């Protein structure tokens, strides 16, 4: 090919080049395998996160149901329930609202939910107006 080197020297260089190519190809395969492994780890963690978020929502709905029973059935005030449960009133309201939303049928669901109203206390948010 236009070089003045001896055929032996050329063959030795060729073998070295082929060996280097084999090494580079093996390294590329190892990197490709690592890419797949790391991407798989990410996808598994993503699925785990989705399951954890679903479980968290289920737990929050259950907590909201308990708050609703404390306030609706036992007629405790939000302040009293906050004291009992060691949770802020705003969080109790959020949980109760979440439980109410989860209990509503999807079909015909209003765009903005109506506020929960305590029976017998017109216009007052549930749990206020009566309490322990």
Protein backbone atom coordinates (compact mmCIF):
# COMPACT_ATOMS: atom_id res chain seq x y z
CA UNK A 1 0.00 0.00 0.00
CA UNK A 2 2.71 2.46 -0.70
CA UNK A 3 4.70 1.92 2.47
CA UNK A 4 8.33 0.92 2.45
CA UNK A 5 8.09 -1.15 5.61
CA UNK A 6 8.79 -4.81 5.53
CA UNK A 7 5.82 -7.18 5.27
CA UNK A 8 6.75 -8.61 8.69
CA UNK A 9 6.68 -5.20 10.35
CA UNK A 10 3.38 -4.43 8.71
CA UNK A 11 1.89 -7.74 9.88
CA UNK A 12 3.07 -7.10 13.46
CA UNK A 13 1.49 -3.64 13.46
CA UNK A 14 -1.67 -5.10 11.95
CA UNK A 15 -1.87 -7.73 14.73
CA UNK A 16 -1.37 -5.02 17.36
CA UNK A 17 -4.09 -2.92 15.78
CA UNK A 18 -6.48 -5.87 15.64
CA UNK A 19 -5.72 -6.70 19.28
CA UNK A 20 -6.42 -3.09 20.27
CA UNK A 21 -9.70 -3.21 18.31
CA UNK A 22 -10.72 -6.41 20.13
CA UNK A 23 -9.96 -4.73 23.47
CA UNK A 24 -11.90 -1.60 22.52
CA UNK A 25 -14.85 -3.66 21.30
CA UNK A 26 -14.88 -5.62 24.58
CA UNK A 27 -14.79 -2.36 26.55
CA UNK A 28 -17.66 -1.00 24.44
CA UNK A 29 -19.69 -4.16 25.15
CA UNK A 30 -19.03 -3.79 28.90
CA UNK A 31 -20.17 -0.16 28.74
CA UNK A 32 -23.26 -1.13 26.76
CA UNK A 33 -24.11 -3.77 29.38
CA UNK A 34 -23.63 -1.22 32.16
CA UNK A 35 -25.86 1.25 30.34
CA UNK A 36 -28.61 -1.37 30.19
CA UNK A 37 -28.10 -2.33 33.86
CA UNK A 38 -28.18 1.27 35.09
CA UNK A 39 -31.18 2.14 32.92
CA UNK A 40 -32.92 -0.98 34.27
CA UNK A 41 -32.10 0.09 37.85
CA UNK A 42 -33.68 3.46 37.09
CA UNK A 43 -36.85 1.91 35.64
CA UNK A 44 -37.22 -0.47 38.59
CA UNK A 45 -36.81 2.42 41.05
CA UNK A 46 -39.34 4.44 39.04
CA UNK A 47 -41.87 1.61 39.29
CA UNK A 48 -41.12 1.25 43.01
CA UNK A 49 -41.69 4.98 43.48
CA UNK A 50 -45.04 4.79 41.69
CA UNK A 51 -46.09 1.89 43.93
CA UNK A 52 -44.96 3.80 47.03
CA UNK A 53 -46.88 6.89 45.95
CA UNK A 54 -49.98 4.77 45.40
CA UNK A 55 -49.53 3.20 48.83
CA UNK A 56 -49.04 6.63 50.38
CA UNK A 57 -52.24 7.88 48.78
CA UNK A 58 -54.09 4.83 50.08
CA UNK A 59 -52.77 5.46 53.58
CA UNK A 60 -53.72 9.14 53.39
CA UNK A 61 -57.24 8.25 52.24
CA UNK A 62 -57.53 5.86 55.21
CA UNK A 63 -56.23 8.57 57.55
CA UNK A 64 -58.74 11.01 56.09
CA UNK A 65 -61.52 8.50 56.66
CA UNK A 66 -60.52 8.23 60.31
CA UNK A 67 -60.46 12.04 60.59
CA UNK A 68 -63.91 12.18 59.01
CA UNK A 69 -65.26 9.68 61.55
CA UNK A 70 -63.71 11.60 64.46
CA UNK A 71 -65.20 14.86 63.24
CA UNK A 72 -68.39 13.65 61.57
CA UNK A 73 -69.52 10.85 63.87
CA UNK A 74 -68.02 11.87 67.19
CA UNK A 75 -68.46 15.57 66.43
CA UNK A 76 -65.00 16.49 67.64
CA UNK A 77 -63.51 19.80 66.56
CA UNK A 78 -60.53 19.97 64.26
CA UNK A 79 -58.55 21.43 67.14
CA UNK A 80 -59.37 18.45 69.36
CA UNK A 81 -58.50 15.94 66.63
CA UNK A 82 -55.26 17.81 65.92
CA UNK A 83 -54.43 17.51 69.60
CA UNK A 84 -55.30 13.80 69.71
CA UNK A 85 -53.47 12.90 66.52
CA UNK A 86 -50.61 15.36 66.91
CA UNK A 87 -51.19 16.73 63.44
CA UNK A 88 -51.89 20.27 62.33
CA UNK A 89 -55.47 21.26 61.55
CA UNK A 90 -54.58 22.14 57.96
CA UNK A 91 -53.22 18.61 57.40
CA UNK A 92 -56.35 17.07 58.93
CA UNK A 93 -58.50 19.15 56.59
CA UNK A 94 -56.38 18.07 53.61
CA UNK A 95 -56.66 14.39 54.57
CA UNK A 96 -60.39 14.60 55.16
CA UNK A 97 -60.88 16.33 51.82
CA UNK A 98 -58.75 13.66 50.12
CA UNK A 99 -60.88 10.90 51.65
CA UNK A 100 -64.06 12.65 50.54
CA UNK A 101 -62.68 13.00 47.01
CA UNK A 102 -61.73 9.33 46.92
CA UNK A 103 -65.24 8.34 48.03
CA UNK A 104 -66.96 10.35 45.29
CA UNK A 105 -67.92 8.56 42.10
CA UNK A 106 -65.80 9.59 39.13
CA UNK A 107 -68.75 10.01 36.77
CA UNK A 108 -70.34 13.42 37.19
CA UNK A 109 -67.69 14.61 39.63
CA UNK A 110 -67.94 18.39 40.01
CA UNK A 111 -64.94 20.45 38.87
CA UNK A 112 -64.56 21.98 42.33
CA UNK A 113 -65.65 19.93 45.30
CA UNK A 114 -68.15 21.39 47.73
CA UNK A 115 -66.79 22.03 51.22
CA UNK A 116 -67.69 19.49 53.86
CA UNK A 117 -70.45 20.83 56.11
CA UNK A 118 -71.15 19.54 59.58
CA UNK A 119 -74.71 18.25 60.03
CA UNK A 120 -76.82 20.59 62.12
CA UNK A 121 -74.45 23.55 61.84
CA UNK A 122 -75.36 25.26 58.61
CA UNK A 123 -72.48 26.86 56.75
CA UNK A 124 -69.83 25.84 59.29
CA UNK A 125 -67.01 23.56 58.13
CA UNK A 126 -67.42 20.09 59.54
CA UNK A 127 -66.19 19.72 63.08
CA UNK A 128 -66.49 23.41 63.92
CA UNK A 129 -69.34 24.82 65.93
CA UNK A 130 -69.45 21.72 68.10
CA UNK A 131 -66.58 20.12 69.81
CA UNK A 132 -65.01 18.55 72.83
